[in-house]
Amino acid sequence: MSRSARLLDLVQILRRHRQPVRGQVLADELQISLRSLYRDINTLVGQGAPIEGEAGIGYVLKPGYLLPPLMFAEDEIEALVLGSRWVVRNGDRKLAEAAGNALAKISAVLPAHLRDEAEGSGLVAGPSRAERTPIDLADLRDALRRERKIAFTYRDATDKASTRIVWPIAVTFYDRARVLAAWCELRQDYRHFRLDRMSDLAIREDPFPRRRRVLMKEWRALEDAPKIA
């Protein structure tokens, strides 16, 4: 492991802890000597990292510290590139444009050798086999962010239509389908809705009765997966 990658790992370890971490614990996790750890701490402090503490007591990283993009590890760059390329191929128009812009920004600030690696990455995102959706996913993402109820027409597996008002919680991107998890007011329970069976989506102005993060926590705790509506 290069020293720059080790410094990055050290910052990430410190980020996981809110309380001071003893130097020996850090050294053991990084598989380096305590003396090398002290040198790495001093290097990071010299580069502006707000690390507090001292030998024999422990170290803590103050919140708010942002790593410069040039400190991305090669595996992390490949993950970002692959994820962005997948969204460009499979996201809605606005999300695809945002992913392309983000990828360009990342490439622009990388050092030359890493920029070449990113642009020439052999990891390619293929097209999804999911059916096209009659609704605009950008509208659904807006409702998720603003925690607004949505109304839509839904056709089940037998092609029976119904009007639903739901509290959208999350969208899962499967290979063959996009699925919305939501609290359904009609069923008074959590349900999954395939996006390719939804139409006439309208965002309502009334907010969720409860915060989305609370709903998501409750949904994830369910023993049985919610049924496809």
Protein backbone atom coordinates (compact mmCIF):
# COMPACT_ATOMS: atom_id res chain seq x y z
CA MET A 1 0.00 0.00 0.00
CA SER A 2 1.33 3.45 -0.93
CA ARG A 3 1.73 6.05 1.80
CA SER A 4 -0.90 8.32 0.22
CA ALA A 5 -3.40 5.45 0.30
CA ARG A 6 -2.45 4.73 3.91
CA LEU A 7 -3.03 8.36 4.87
CA LEU A 8 -6.46 8.18 3.26
CA ASP A 9 -7.27 5.00 5.19
CA LEU A 10 -6.13 6.65 8.42
CA VAL A 11 -8.54 9.55 7.89
CA GLN A 12 -11.38 7.14 7.12
CA ILE A 13 -10.69 5.16 10.30
CA LEU A 14 -10.72 8.32 12.38
CA ARG A 15 -14.00 9.35 10.78
CA ARG A 16 -15.64 6.17 12.07
CA HIS A 17 -14.95 7.14 15.67
CA ARG A 18 -16.42 10.05 17.61
CA GLN A 19 -14.23 9.45 20.64
CA PRO A 20 -10.41 9.54 20.75
CA VAL A 21 -8.77 6.35 19.41
CA ARG A 22 -5.52 5.10 20.88
CA GLY A 23 -2.52 5.17 18.59
CA GLN A 24 -1.86 1.47 18.99
CA VAL A 25 -5.40 0.64 17.85
CA LEU A 26 -4.90 2.76 14.74
CA ALA A 27 -1.48 1.26 14.06
CA ASP A 28 -2.81 -2.29 14.40
CA GLU A 29 -5.66 -1.64 11.95
CA LEU A 30 -3.28 -0.11 9.42
CA GLN A 31 -0.70 -2.84 10.09
CA ILE A 32 2.11 -0.34 10.66
CA SER A 33 4.38 0.49 13.58
CA LEU A 34 3.40 3.03 16.20
CA ARG A 35 6.30 5.20 15.08
CA SER A 36 5.01 5.22 11.50
CA LEU A 37 1.55 6.12 12.77
CA TYR A 38 2.91 9.15 14.62
CA ARG A 39 4.62 10.29 11.42
CA ASP A 40 1.39 9.85 9.45
CA ILE A 41 -0.57 11.84 12.04
CA ASN A 42 1.96 14.68 11.85
CA THR A 43 1.81 14.61 8.04
CA LEU A 44 -1.98 14.90 8.01
CA VAL A 45 -1.92 17.71 10.57
CA GLY A 46 0.64 19.50 8.42
CA GLN A 47 -1.73 19.18 5.44
CA GLY A 48 -4.53 20.82 7.39
CA ALA A 49 -6.39 17.84 8.85
CA PRO A 50 -8.00 18.90 12.18
CA ILE A 51 -6.76 15.96 14.23
CA GLU A 52 -6.67 16.49 17.99
CA GLY A 53 -4.91 14.37 20.59
CA GLU A 54 -1.47 13.16 21.50
CA ALA A 55 0.59 10.04 21.97
CA GLY A 56 -0.62 7.90 24.89
CA ILE A 57 -4.08 9.47 24.98
CA GLY A 58 -5.67 9.05 21.58
CA TYR A 59 -6.64 10.91 18.45
CA VAL A 60 -9.91 12.26 17.10
CA LEU A 61 -10.76 13.93 13.78
CA LYS A 62 -12.94 17.02 14.14
CA PRO A 63 -16.08 16.91 11.94
CA GLY A 64 -16.25 18.81 8.66
CA TYR A 65 -12.88 17.83 7.21
CA LEU A 66 -13.05 17.15 3.46
CA LEU A 67 -10.39 15.17 1.65
CA PRO A 68 -9.09 16.60 -1.61
CA PRO A 69 -10.25 14.51 -4.60
CA LEU A 70 -6.65 13.68 -5.54
CA MET A 71 -6.55 11.40 -2.50
CA PHE A 72 -9.06 8.96 -3.98
CA ALA A 73 -7.64 5.45 -4.14
CA GLU A 74 -7.65 3.71 -7.54
CA ASP A 75 -10.39 1.26 -6.48
CA GLU A 76 -12.52 4.18 -5.27
CA ILE A 77 -12.10 5.99 -8.58
CA GLU A 78 -13.15 2.86 -10.48
CA ALA A 79 -16.22 2.54 -8.25
CA LEU A 80 -17.20 6.17 -8.88
CA VAL A 81 -16.63 5.86 -12.62
CA LEU A 82 -18.63 2.63 -12.91
CA GLY A 83 -21.50 3.96 -10.81
CA SER A 84 -21.65 7.21 -12.79
CA ARG A 85 -21.56 5.36 -16.10
CA TRP A 86 -24.41 3.11 -14.99
CA VAL A 87 -26.56 6.13 -14.09
CA VAL A 88 -25.72 7.79 -17.42
CA ARG A 89 -26.98 4.66 -19.21
CA ASN A 90 -29.96 3.84 -17.00
CA GLY A 91 -31.10 6.93 -15.10
CA ASP A 92 -33.75 9.44 -16.10
CA ARG A 93 -32.59 12.36 -18.26
CA LYS A 94 -31.85 14.76 -15.39
CA LEU A 95 -30.11 12.11 -13.30
CA ALA A 96 -28.07 10.96 -16.31
CA GLU A 97 -26.95 14.54 -17.00
CA ALA A 98 -26.04 15.00 -13.34
CA ALA A 99 -23.98 11.79 -13.35
CA GLY A 100 -22.15 12.87 -16.50
CA ASN A 101 -21.39 16.28 -14.98
CA ALA A 102 -20.19 14.71 -11.74
CA LEU A 103 -17.89 12.35 -13.64
CA ALA A 104 -16.43 15.28 -15.60
CA LYS A 105 -15.80 17.22 -12.37
CA ILE A 106 -14.08 14.23 -10.78
CA SER A 107 -11.84 13.74 -13.83
CA ALA A 108 -10.96 17.44 -13.95
CA VAL A 109 -9.43 17.49 -10.47
CA LEU A 110 -7.60 14.17 -10.58
CA PRO A 111 -3.84 14.08 -11.11
CA ALA A 112 -2.85 13.12 -14.65
CA HIS A 113 -2.08 9.44 -14.04
CA LEU A 114 -5.35 8.86 -12.20
CA ARG A 115 -7.30 10.83 -14.81
CA ASP A 116 -5.95 8.48 -17.47
CA GLU A 117 -7.03 5.51 -15.33
CA ALA A 118 -10.54 6.96 -14.91
CA GLU A 119 -11.05 7.82 -18.56
CA GLY A 120 -9.62 4.50 -19.75
CA SER A 121 -11.36 2.33 -17.16
CA GLY A 122 -12.26 -1.11 -18.48
CA LEU A 123 -15.39 -1.26 -16.31
CA VAL A 124 -18.35 -0.61 -18.60
CA ALA A 125 -21.99 -0.22 -17.55
CA GLY A 126 -24.45 -2.07 -19.77
CA PRO A 127 -28.08 -1.17 -20.46
CA SER A 128 -30.80 -2.27 -18.09
CA ARG A 129 -33.43 -4.80 -19.13
CA ALA A 130 -36.14 -2.97 -17.18
CA GLU A 131 -39.28 -1.93 -19.00
CA ARG A 132 -39.69 1.75 -19.83
CA THR A 133 -41.77 3.59 -17.25
CA PRO A 134 -44.80 5.72 -18.20
CA ILE A 135 -43.92 8.18 -15.42
CA ASP A 136 -41.06 10.66 -15.15
CA LEU A 137 -38.64 9.34 -12.55
CA ALA A 138 -37.42 12.91 -11.95
CA ASP A 139 -40.87 13.77 -10.55
CA LEU A 140 -40.76 10.76 -8.27
CA ARG A 141 -37.29 11.73 -7.03
CA ASP A 142 -38.60 15.23 -6.31
CA ALA A 143 -41.42 13.81 -4.19
CA LEU A 144 -38.93 11.63 -2.29
CA ARG A 145 -36.67 14.59 -1.52
CA ARG A 146 -39.50 16.90 -0.46
CA GLU A 147 -41.42 14.16 1.38
CA ARG A 148 -44.64 14.76 -0.54
CA LYS A 149 -47.44 12.29 -1.15
CA ILE A 150 -48.05 11.17 -4.71
CA ALA A 151 -51.16 9.99 -6.52
CA PHE A 152 -51.14 7.71 -9.55
CA THR A 153 -53.04 5.07 -11.48
CA TYR A 154 -51.73 1.56 -10.93
CA ARG A 155 -52.36 -1.64 -12.87
CA ASP A 156 -51.66 -4.88 -11.04
CA ALA A 157 -50.46 -8.17 -12.52
CA THR A 158 -54.00 -8.91 -13.79
CA ASP A 159 -54.19 -5.44 -15.44
CA LYS A 160 -56.80 -4.25 -12.95
CA ALA A 161 -56.51 -0.48 -12.47
CA SER A 162 -56.80 1.41 -9.19
CA THR A 163 -56.02 4.93 -7.97
CA ARG A 164 -53.41 5.08 -5.21
CA ILE A 165 -52.18 7.77 -2.85
CA VAL A 166 -48.89 6.77 -1.23
CA TRP A 167 -45.99 8.11 0.78
CA PRO A 168 -42.92 7.23 -1.34
CA ILE A 169 -39.98 5.89 0.66
CA ALA A 170 -37.40 4.50 -1.78
CA VAL A 171 -36.89 3.38 -5.37
CA THR A 172 -34.99 0.15 -6.01
CA PHE A 173 -33.28 -0.34 -9.38
CA TYR A 174 -33.49 -4.02 -10.22
CA ASP A 175 -32.12 -5.38 -13.48
CA ARG A 176 -35.56 -6.04 -14.94
CA ALA A 177 -37.71 -3.52 -13.06
CA ARG A 178 -37.79 -0.31 -11.05
CA VAL A 179 -39.77 -0.71 -7.84
CA LEU A 180 -41.17 1.95 -5.50
CA ALA A 181 -41.47 1.16 -1.80
CA ALA A 182 -44.19 3.23 -0.16
CA TRP A 183 -46.86 3.43 2.51
CA CYS A 184 -50.18 2.91 0.70
CA GLU A 185 -53.18 4.79 2.10
CA LEU A 186 -55.59 2.40 0.36
CA ARG A 187 -54.06 -0.72 1.93
CA GLN A 188 -52.89 1.00 5.14
CA ASP A 189 -49.64 -0.90 4.86
CA TYR A 190 -46.27 -0.88 3.13
CA ARG A 191 -46.38 -1.93 -0.51
CA HIS A 192 -44.08 -2.21 -3.53
CA PHE A 193 -45.17 -0.75 -6.87
CA ARG A 194 -43.53 -1.48 -10.21
CA LEU A 195 -42.87 1.78 -12.00
CA ASP A 196 -43.77 0.32 -15.38
CA ARG A 197 -47.32 -0.27 -14.07
CA MET A 198 -47.74 3.31 -12.82
CA SER A 199 -49.20 6.20 -14.83
CA ASP A 200 -50.70 9.68 -14.38
CA LEU A 201 -48.31 10.51 -11.53
CA ALA A 202 -49.14 13.71 -9.62
CA ILE A 203 -47.24 15.19 -6.68
CA ARG A 204 -49.55 16.40 -3.94
CA GLU A 205 -48.76 19.35 -1.72
CA ASP A 206 -49.58 17.59 1.55
CA PRO A 207 -46.42 16.27 3.25
CA PHE A 208 -45.94 12.91 4.92
CA PRO A 209 -47.51 12.63 8.40
CA ARG A 210 -44.14 11.19 9.51
CA ARG A 211 -40.57 11.79 8.34
CA ARG A 212 -39.33 9.59 5.52
CA ARG A 213 -36.29 8.40 7.47
CA VAL A 214 -38.62 7.08 10.18
CA LEU A 215 -40.76 5.32 7.60
CA MET A 216 -37.69 3.82 5.93
CA LYS A 217 -36.39 2.50 9.23
CA GLU A 218 -39.77 0.91 9.94
CA TRP A 219 -39.97 -0.53 6.40
CA ARG A 220 -36.48 -2.05 6.62
CA ALA A 221 -37.34 -3.68 9.94
CA LEU A 222 -40.18 -5.69 8.42
CA GLU A 223 -39.58 -9.43 8.61
CA ASP A 224 -41.44 -10.11 5.37
CA ALA A 225 -40.80 -8.10 2.24
CA PRO A 226 -43.79 -5.92 1.28
CA LYS A 227 -45.94 -7.39 -1.46
CA ILE A 228 -46.02 -6.05 -4.99
CA ALA A 229 -49.34 -4.20 -5.15
